[in-house]
Amino acid sequence: MLTLSLPVAASAMPRGRFQLRFESLFNQGRGLAFPCDERGEVELDTLSERARSNYLYARAVVGREFATPAVVLGDDDQVF
């Protein structure tokens, strides 16, 4: 299983469903979000092929197309 770990103050976030969000640097309100744990670890084995491809792409272009990802409490109402 491949994972990406990011430093996050887990105690500062409530327990629940988390997302790792990559926000677009050029299109406000656009970006990609992936399910993760409170530490920002994404289980690649659980993603579809398309989602895994998007995740790996987003990681590769951080700083060029996407901002540094952030771990946030998931919001099912927001489409990202």
PDB file of N, CA and C in Angstrom:
ATOM      1  N   MET A   1       0.840  -1.174   0.000  1.00  0.00           N
ATOM      2  CA  MET A   1       0.000   0.000   0.000  1.00  0.00           C
ATOM      3  C   MET A   1       0.886   1.240   0.000  1.00  0.00           C
ATOM      4  N   LEU A   2       0.624   2.168  -0.925  1.00  0.00           N
ATOM      5  CA  LEU A   2       1.354   3.417  -1.018  1.00  0.00           C
ATOM      6  C   LEU A   2       0.570   4.503  -0.312  1.00  0.00           C
ATOM      7  N   THR A   3       1.274   5.329   0.461  1.00  0.00           N
ATOM      8  CA  THR A   3       0.607   6.437   1.140  1.00  0.00           C
ATOM      9  C   THR A   3       1.479   7.678   1.074  1.00  0.00           C
ATOM     10  N   LEU A   4       0.862   8.816   1.263  1.00  0.00           N
ATOM     11  CA  LEU A   4       1.552  10.089   1.360  1.00  0.00           C
ATOM     12  C   LEU A   4       1.250  10.650   2.732  1.00  0.00           C
ATOM     13  N   SER A   5       2.275  10.973   3.486  1.00  0.00           N
ATOM     14  CA  SER A   5       2.069  11.524   4.820  1.00  0.00           C
ATOM     15  C   SER A   5       2.394  13.012   4.818  1.00  0.00           C
ATOM     16  N   LEU A   6       1.532  13.781   5.436  1.00  0.00           N
ATOM     17  CA  LEU A   6       1.748  15.208   5.608  1.00  0.00           C
ATOM     18  C   LEU A   6       1.641  15.540   7.081  1.00  0.00           C
ATOM     19  N   PRO A   7       2.479  16.437   7.592  1.00  0.00           N
ATOM     20  CA  PRO A   7       2.358  16.811   8.998  1.00  0.00           C
ATOM     21  C   PRO A   7       1.075  17.577   9.241  1.00  0.00           C
ATOM     22  N   VAL A   8       0.282  17.084  10.179  1.00  0.00           N
ATOM     23  CA  VAL A   8      -0.996  17.710  10.508  1.00  0.00           C
ATOM     24  C   VAL A   8      -1.206  17.612  12.005  1.00  0.00           C
ATOM     25  N   ALA A   9      -1.705  18.671  12.611  1.00  0.00           N
ATOM     26  CA  ALA A   9      -2.041  18.632  14.025  1.00  0.00           C
ATOM     27  C   ALA A   9      -3.379  17.926  14.164  1.00  0.00           C
ATOM     28  N   ALA A  10      -3.347  16.599  14.289  1.00  0.00           N
ATOM     29  CA  ALA A  10      -4.576  15.807  14.335  1.00  0.00           C
ATOM     30  C   ALA A  10      -5.465  16.191  15.510  1.00  0.00           C
ATOM     31  N   SER A  11      -4.870  16.597  16.614  1.00  0.00           N
ATOM     32  CA  SER A  11      -5.674  16.950  17.777  1.00  0.00           C
ATOM     33  C   SER A  11      -6.499  18.207  17.539  1.00  0.00           C
ATOM     34  N   ALA A  12      -6.106  19.020  16.546  1.00  0.00           N
ATOM     35  CA  ALA A  12      -6.825  20.253  16.259  1.00  0.00           C
ATOM     36  C   ALA A  12      -8.054  20.008  15.386  1.00  0.00           C
ATOM     37  N   MET A  13      -8.181  18.812  14.833  1.00  0.00           N
ATOM     38  CA  MET A  13      -9.300  18.510  13.956  1.00  0.00           C
ATOM     39  C   MET A  13     -10.217  17.489  14.611  1.00  0.00           C
ATOM     40  N   PRO A  14     -11.505  17.673  14.469  1.00  0.00           N
ATOM     41  CA  PRO A  14     -12.427  16.696  15.035  1.00  0.00           C
ATOM     42  C   PRO A  14     -12.334  15.373  14.288  1.00  0.00           C
ATOM     43  N   ARG A  15     -12.655  14.298  14.977  1.00  0.00           N
ATOM     44  CA  ARG A  15     -12.668  12.977  14.335  1.00  0.00           C
ATOM     45  C   ARG A  15     -13.783  12.934  13.306  1.00  0.00           C
ATOM     46  N   GLY A  16     -13.561  12.231  12.234  1.00  0.00           N
ATOM     47  CA  GLY A  16     -14.587  12.106  11.204  1.00  0.00           C
ATOM     48  C   GLY A  16     -13.965  11.749   9.880  1.00  0.00           C
ATOM     49  N   ARG A  17     -14.655  12.099   8.843  1.00  0.00           N
ATOM     50  CA  ARG A  17     -14.203  11.793   7.501  1.00  0.00           C
ATOM     51  C   ARG A  17     -13.325  12.932   6.998  1.00  0.00           C
ATOM     52  N   PHE A  18     -12.103  12.590   6.614  1.00  0.00           N
ATOM     53  CA  PHE A  18     -11.147  13.605   6.175  1.00  0.00           C
ATOM     54  C   PHE A  18     -10.914  13.524   4.674  1.00  0.00           C
ATOM     55  N   GLN A  19     -10.486  14.649   4.112  1.00  0.00           N
ATOM     56  CA  GLN A  19     -10.126  14.718   2.701  1.00  0.00           C
ATOM     57  C   GLN A  19      -8.785  15.420   2.568  1.00  0.00           C
ATOM     58  N   LEU A  20      -8.006  14.968   1.603  1.00  0.00           N
ATOM     59  CA  LEU A  20      -6.778  15.654   1.221  1.00  0.00           C
ATOM     60  C   LEU A  20      -7.147  16.477  -0.004  1.00  0.00           C
ATOM     61  N   ARG A  21      -7.102  17.804   0.128  1.00  0.00           N
ATOM     62  CA  ARG A  21      -7.552  18.688  -0.952  1.00  0.00           C
ATOM     63  C   ARG A  21      -6.386  19.413  -1.604  1.00  0.00           C
ATOM     64  N   PHE A  22      -6.401  19.362  -2.923  1.00  0.00           N
ATOM     65  CA  PHE A  22      -5.443  20.082  -3.751  1.00  0.00           C
ATOM     66  C   PHE A  22      -6.246  21.172  -4.451  1.00  0.00           C
ATOM     67  N   GLU A  23      -6.046  22.430  -4.077  1.00  0.00           N
ATOM     68  CA  GLU A  23      -6.797  23.523  -4.692  1.00  0.00           C
ATOM     69  C   GLU A  23      -6.023  24.085  -5.878  1.00  0.00           C
ATOM     70  N   SER A  24      -6.751  24.404  -6.948  1.00  0.00           N
ATOM     71  CA  SER A  24      -6.148  24.960  -8.154  1.00  0.00           C
ATOM     72  C   SER A  24      -5.515  26.314  -7.855  1.00  0.00           C
ATOM     73  N   LEU A  25      -4.362  26.550  -8.450  1.00  0.00           N
ATOM     74  CA  LEU A  25      -3.711  27.859  -8.312  1.00  0.00           C
ATOM     75  C   LEU A  25      -4.307  28.889  -9.263  1.00  0.00           C
ATOM     76  N   PHE A  26      -5.051  28.419 -10.282  1.00  0.00           N
ATOM     77  CA  PHE A  26      -5.524  29.316 -11.327  1.00  0.00           C
ATOM     78  C   PHE A  26      -7.037  29.469 -11.398  1.00  0.00           C
ATOM     79  N   ASN A  27      -7.772  28.485 -10.940  1.00  0.00           N
ATOM     80  CA  ASN A  27      -9.232  28.523 -11.007  1.00  0.00           C
ATOM     81  C   ASN A  27      -9.811  28.428  -9.608  1.00  0.00           C
ATOM     82  N   GLN A  28     -10.184  29.573  -9.045  1.00  0.00           N
ATOM     83  CA  GLN A  28     -10.708  29.617  -7.684  1.00  0.00           C
ATOM     84  C   GLN A  28     -11.926  28.701  -7.554  1.00  0.00           C
ATOM     85  N   GLY A  29     -11.953  27.913  -6.489  1.00  0.00           N
ATOM     86  CA  GLY A  29     -13.060  27.006  -6.231  1.00  0.00           C
ATOM     87  C   GLY A  29     -12.921  25.665  -6.918  1.00  0.00           C
ATOM     88  N   ARG A  30     -11.861  25.485  -7.690  1.00  0.00           N
ATOM     89  CA  ARG A  30     -11.631  24.218  -8.387  1.00  0.00           C
ATOM     90  C   ARG A  30     -10.469  23.482  -7.737  1.00  0.00           C
ATOM     91  N   GLY A  31     -10.458  22.186  -7.876  1.00  0.00           N
ATOM     92  CA  GLY A  31      -9.376  21.393  -7.330  1.00  0.00           C
ATOM     93  C   GLY A  31      -9.747  19.930  -7.296  1.00  0.00           C
ATOM     94  N   LEU A  32      -8.977  19.156  -6.574  1.00  0.00           N
ATOM     95  CA  LEU A  32      -9.207  17.727  -6.424  1.00  0.00           C
ATOM     96  C   LEU A  32      -9.191  17.380  -4.944  1.00  0.00           C
ATOM     97  N   ALA A  33     -10.005  16.408  -4.554  1.00  0.00           N
ATOM     98  CA  ALA A  33     -10.053  15.968  -3.162  1.00  0.00           C
ATOM     99  C   ALA A  33     -10.084  14.448  -3.127  1.00  0.00           C
ATOM    100  N   PHE A  34      -9.385  13.883  -2.141  1.00  0.00           N
ATOM    101  CA  PHE A  34      -9.281  12.434  -2.008  1.00  0.00           C
ATOM    102  C   PHE A  34      -9.496  12.040  -0.555  1.00  0.00           C
ATOM    103  N   PRO A  35     -10.161  10.913  -0.306  1.00  0.00           N
ATOM    104  CA  PRO A  35     -10.358  10.467   1.079  1.00  0.00           C
ATOM    105  C   PRO A  35      -9.013  10.137   1.715  1.00  0.00           C
ATOM    106  N   CYS A  36      -8.873  10.512   2.975  1.00  0.00           N
ATOM    107  CA  CYS A  36      -7.626  10.235   3.693  1.00  0.00           C
ATOM    108  C   CYS A  36      -7.930  10.094   5.181  1.00  0.00           C
ATOM    109  N   ASP A  37      -6.888   9.788   5.953  1.00  0.00           N
ATOM    110  CA  ASP A  37      -7.056   9.765   7.404  1.00  0.00           C
ATOM    111  C   ASP A  37      -6.646  11.130   7.963  1.00  0.00           C
ATOM    112  N   GLU A  38      -6.676  11.276   9.268  1.00  0.00           N
ATOM    113  CA  GLU A  38      -6.390  12.570   9.893  1.00  0.00           C
ATOM    114  C   GLU A  38      -4.949  13.032   9.693  1.00  0.00           C
ATOM    115  N   ARG A  39      -4.060  12.117   9.263  1.00  0.00           N
ATOM    116  CA  ARG A  39      -2.664  12.473   9.006  1.00  0.00           C
ATOM    117  C   ARG A  39      -2.407  12.786   7.533  1.00  0.00           C
ATOM    118  N   GLY A  40      -3.451  12.712   6.691  1.00  0.00           N
ATOM    119  CA  GLY A  40      -3.282  13.003   5.279  1.00  0.00           C
ATOM    120  C   GLY A  40      -2.828  11.816   4.454  1.00  0.00           C
ATOM    121  N   GLU A  41      -2.939  10.626   5.016  1.00  0.00           N
ATOM    122  CA  GLU A  41      -2.517   9.431   4.293  1.00  0.00           C
ATOM    123  C   GLU A  41      -3.667   8.919   3.421  1.00  0.00           C
ATOM    124  N   VAL A  42      -3.396   8.801   2.141  1.00  0.00           N
ATOM    125  CA  VAL A  42      -4.373   8.317   1.168  1.00  0.00           C
ATOM    126  C   VAL A  42      -4.037   6.862   0.847  1.00  0.00           C
ATOM    127  N   GLU A  43      -5.017   5.982   0.960  1.00  0.00           N
ATOM    128  CA  GLU A  43      -4.803   4.575   0.613  1.00  0.00           C
ATOM    129  C   GLU A  43      -5.056   4.410  -0.881  1.00  0.00           C
ATOM    130  N   LEU A  44      -3.977   4.340  -1.638  1.00  0.00           N
ATOM    131  CA  LEU A  44      -4.094   4.264  -3.090  1.00  0.00           C
ATOM    132  C   LEU A  44      -4.833   3.021  -3.549  1.00  0.00           C
ATOM    133  N   ASP A  45      -4.731   1.940  -2.785  1.00  0.00           N
ATOM    134  CA  ASP A  45      -5.399   0.690  -3.161  1.00  0.00           C
ATOM    135  C   ASP A  45      -6.920   0.809  -3.153  1.00  0.00           C
ATOM    136  N   THR A  46      -7.451   1.790  -2.443  1.00  0.00           N
ATOM    137  CA  THR A  46      -8.914   1.936  -2.364  1.00  0.00           C
ATOM    138  C   THR A  46      -9.468   2.876  -3.428  1.00  0.00           C
ATOM    139  N   LEU A  47      -8.598   3.583  -4.142  1.00  0.00           N
ATOM    140  CA  LEU A  47      -9.039   4.523  -5.165  1.00  0.00           C
ATOM    141  C   LEU A  47      -9.293   3.808  -6.484  1.00  0.00           C
ATOM    142  N   SER A  48     -10.215   4.348  -7.267  1.00  0.00           N
ATOM    143  CA  SER A  48     -10.415   3.822  -8.621  1.00  0.00           C
ATOM    144  C   SER A  48      -9.176   4.168  -9.448  1.00  0.00           C
ATOM    145  N   GLU A  49      -9.069   3.563 -10.609  1.00  0.00           N
ATOM    146  CA  GLU A  49      -7.914   3.838 -11.467  1.00  0.00           C
ATOM    147  C   GLU A  49      -7.844   5.318 -11.847  1.00  0.00           C
ATOM    148  N   ARG A  50      -9.006   5.896 -12.167  1.00  0.00           N
ATOM    149  CA  ARG A  50      -9.048   7.311 -12.540  1.00  0.00           C
ATOM    150  C   ARG A  50      -8.666   8.205 -11.361  1.00  0.00           C
ATOM    151  N   ALA A  51      -9.213   7.918 -10.177  1.00  0.00           N
ATOM    152  CA  ALA A  51      -8.893   8.722  -8.992  1.00  0.00           C
ATOM    153  C   ALA A  51      -7.413   8.592  -8.638  1.00  0.00           C
ATOM    154  N   ARG A  52      -6.865   7.388  -8.748  1.00  0.00           N
ATOM    155  CA  ARG A  52      -5.441   7.179  -8.458  1.00  0.00           C
ATOM    156  C   ARG A  52      -4.584   7.982  -9.436  1.00  0.00           C
ATOM    157  N   SER A  53      -4.965   7.976 -10.703  1.00  0.00           N
ATOM    158  CA  SER A  53      -4.236   8.736 -11.709  1.00  0.00           C
ATOM    159  C   SER A  53      -4.303  10.238 -11.404  1.00  0.00           C
ATOM    160  N   ASN A  54      -5.498  10.736 -11.045  1.00  0.00           N
ATOM    161  CA  ASN A  54      -5.652  12.154 -10.691  1.00  0.00           C
ATOM    162  C   ASN A  54      -4.836  12.518  -9.455  1.00  0.00           C
ATOM    163  N   TYR A  55      -4.822  11.628  -8.469  1.00  0.00           N
ATOM    164  CA  TYR A  55      -4.060  11.869  -7.232  1.00  0.00           C
ATOM    165  C   TYR A  55      -2.563  11.981  -7.535  1.00  0.00           C
ATOM    166  N   LEU A  56      -2.051  11.035  -8.301  1.00  0.00           N
ATOM    167  CA  LEU A  56      -0.619  11.052  -8.629  1.00  0.00           C
ATOM    168  C   LEU A  56      -0.268  12.278  -9.472  1.00  0.00           C
ATOM    169  N   TYR A  57      -1.168  12.663 -10.368  1.00  0.00           N
ATOM    170  CA  TYR A  57      -0.950  13.878 -11.162  1.00  0.00           C
ATOM    171  C   TYR A  57      -0.917  15.109 -10.262  1.00  0.00           C
ATOM    172  N   ALA A  58      -1.899  15.224  -9.376  1.00  0.00           N
ATOM    173  CA  ALA A  58      -1.968  16.390  -8.477  1.00  0.00           C
ATOM    174  C   ALA A  58      -0.702  16.506  -7.640  1.00  0.00           C
ATOM    175  N   ARG A  59      -0.219  15.383  -7.126  1.00  0.00           N
ATOM    176  CA  ARG A  59       1.032  15.406  -6.342  1.00  0.00           C
ATOM    177  C   ARG A  59       2.201  15.894  -7.181  1.00  0.00           C
ATOM    178  N   ALA A  60       2.227  15.482  -8.459  1.00  0.00           N
ATOM    179  CA  ALA A  60       3.357  15.818  -9.328  1.00  0.00           C
ATOM    180  C   ALA A  60       3.397  17.295  -9.712  1.00  0.00           C
ATOM    181  N   VAL A  61       2.245  17.966  -9.687  1.00  0.00           N
ATOM    182  CA  VAL A  61       2.208  19.360 -10.147  1.00  0.00           C
ATOM    183  C   VAL A  61       1.922  20.356  -9.024  1.00  0.00           C
ATOM    184  N   VAL A  62       2.147  19.958  -7.784  1.00  0.00           N
ATOM    185  CA  VAL A  62       2.010  20.888  -6.656  1.00  0.00           C
ATOM    186  C   VAL A  62       3.004  22.031  -6.869  1.00  0.00           C
ATOM    187  N   GLY A  63       2.503  23.240  -6.742  1.00  0.00           N
ATOM    188  CA  GLY A  63       3.335  24.422  -6.945  1.00  0.00           C
ATOM    189  C   GLY A  63       3.277  24.955  -8.366  1.00  0.00           C
ATOM    190  N   ARG A  64       2.796  24.131  -9.303  1.00  0.00           N
ATOM    191  CA  ARG A  64       2.665  24.575 -10.694  1.00  0.00           C
ATOM    192  C   ARG A  64       1.203  24.709 -11.101  1.00  0.00           C
ATOM    193  N   GLU A  65       0.365  23.747 -10.693  1.00  0.00           N
ATOM    194  CA  GLU A  65      -1.064  23.808 -11.005  1.00  0.00           C
ATOM    195  C   GLU A  65      -1.938  23.776  -9.758  1.00  0.00           C
ATOM    196  N   PHE A  66      -1.433  23.116  -8.698  1.00  0.00           N
ATOM    197  CA  PHE A  66      -2.186  22.996  -7.450  1.00  0.00           C
ATOM    198  C   PHE A  66      -1.367  23.512  -6.283  1.00  0.00           C
ATOM    199  N   ALA A  67      -2.073  24.046  -5.294  1.00  0.00           N
ATOM    200  CA  ALA A  67      -1.429  24.477  -4.051  1.00  0.00           C
ATOM    201  C   ALA A  67      -1.038  23.251  -3.231  1.00  0.00           C
ATOM    202  N   THR A  68      -0.206  23.452  -2.237  1.00  0.00           N
ATOM    203  CA  THR A  68       0.146  22.375  -1.323  1.00  0.00           C
ATOM    204  C   THR A  68      -1.140  21.810  -0.732  1.00  0.00           C
ATOM    205  N   PRO A  69      -1.288  20.487  -0.728  1.00  0.00           N
ATOM    206  CA  PRO A  69      -2.547  19.909  -0.249  1.00  0.00           C
ATOM    207  C   PRO A  69      -2.780  20.164   1.232  1.00  0.00           C
ATOM    208  N   ALA A  70      -4.048  20.198   1.598  1.00  0.00           N
ATOM    209  CA  ALA A  70      -4.448  20.409   2.989  1.00  0.00           C
ATOM    210  C   ALA A  70      -5.391  19.292   3.411  1.00  0.00           C
ATOM    211  N   VAL A  71      -5.248  18.850   4.650  1.00  0.00           N
ATOM    212  CA  VAL A  71      -6.166  17.864   5.223  1.00  0.00           C
ATOM    213  C   VAL A  71      -7.308  18.634   5.860  1.00  0.00           C
ATOM    214  N   VAL A  72      -8.530  18.321   5.426  1.00  0.00           N
ATOM    215  CA  VAL A  72      -9.706  19.004   5.956  1.00  0.00           C
ATOM    216  C   VAL A  72     -10.769  17.976   6.309  1.00  0.00           C
ATOM    217  N   LEU A  73     -11.656  18.369   7.197  1.00  0.00           N
ATOM    218  CA  LEU A  73     -12.792  17.520   7.510  1.00  0.00           C
ATOM    219  C   LEU A  73     -13.682  17.496   6.284  1.00  0.00           C
ATOM    220  N   GLY A  74     -14.035  16.318   5.814  1.00  0.00           N
ATOM    221  CA  GLY A  74     -14.797  16.172   4.580  1.00  0.00           C
ATOM    222  C   GLY A  74     -16.131  16.870   4.633  1.00  0.00           C
ATOM    223  N   ASP A  75     -16.529  17.412   3.502  1.00  0.00           N
ATOM    224  CA  ASP A  75     -17.814  18.086   3.350  1.00  0.00           C
ATOM    225  C   ASP A  75     -18.513  17.447   2.159  1.00  0.00           C
ATOM    226  N   ASP A  76     -19.480  16.552   2.430  1.00  0.00           N
ATOM    227  CA  ASP A  76     -20.157  15.820   1.369  1.00  0.00           C
ATOM    228  C   ASP A  76     -20.955  16.724   0.456  1.00  0.00           C
ATOM    229  N   ASP A  77     -21.309  17.926   0.910  1.00  0.00           N
ATOM    230  CA  ASP A  77     -22.113  18.841   0.103  1.00  0.00           C
ATOM    231  C   ASP A  77     -21.269  19.594  -0.922  1.00  0.00           C
ATOM    232  N   GLN A  78     -19.969  19.679  -0.703  1.00  0.00           N
ATOM    233  CA  GLN A  78     -19.118  20.434  -1.610  1.00  0.00           C
ATOM    234  C   GLN A  78     -18.516  19.504  -2.642  1.00  0.00           C
ATOM    235  N   VAL A  79     -18.791  19.780  -3.902  1.00  0.00           N
ATOM    236  CA  VAL A  79     -18.183  19.016  -4.988  1.00  0.00           C
ATOM    237  C   VAL A  79     -16.889  19.700  -5.339  1.00  0.00           C
ATOM    238  N   PHE A  80     -15.823  18.943  -5.366  1.00  0.00           N
ATOM    239  CA  PHE A  80     -14.497  19.513  -5.593  1.00  0.00           C
ATOM    240  C   PHE A  80     -13.884  18.892  -6.805  1.00  0.00           C
TER     241      PHE A  80
END
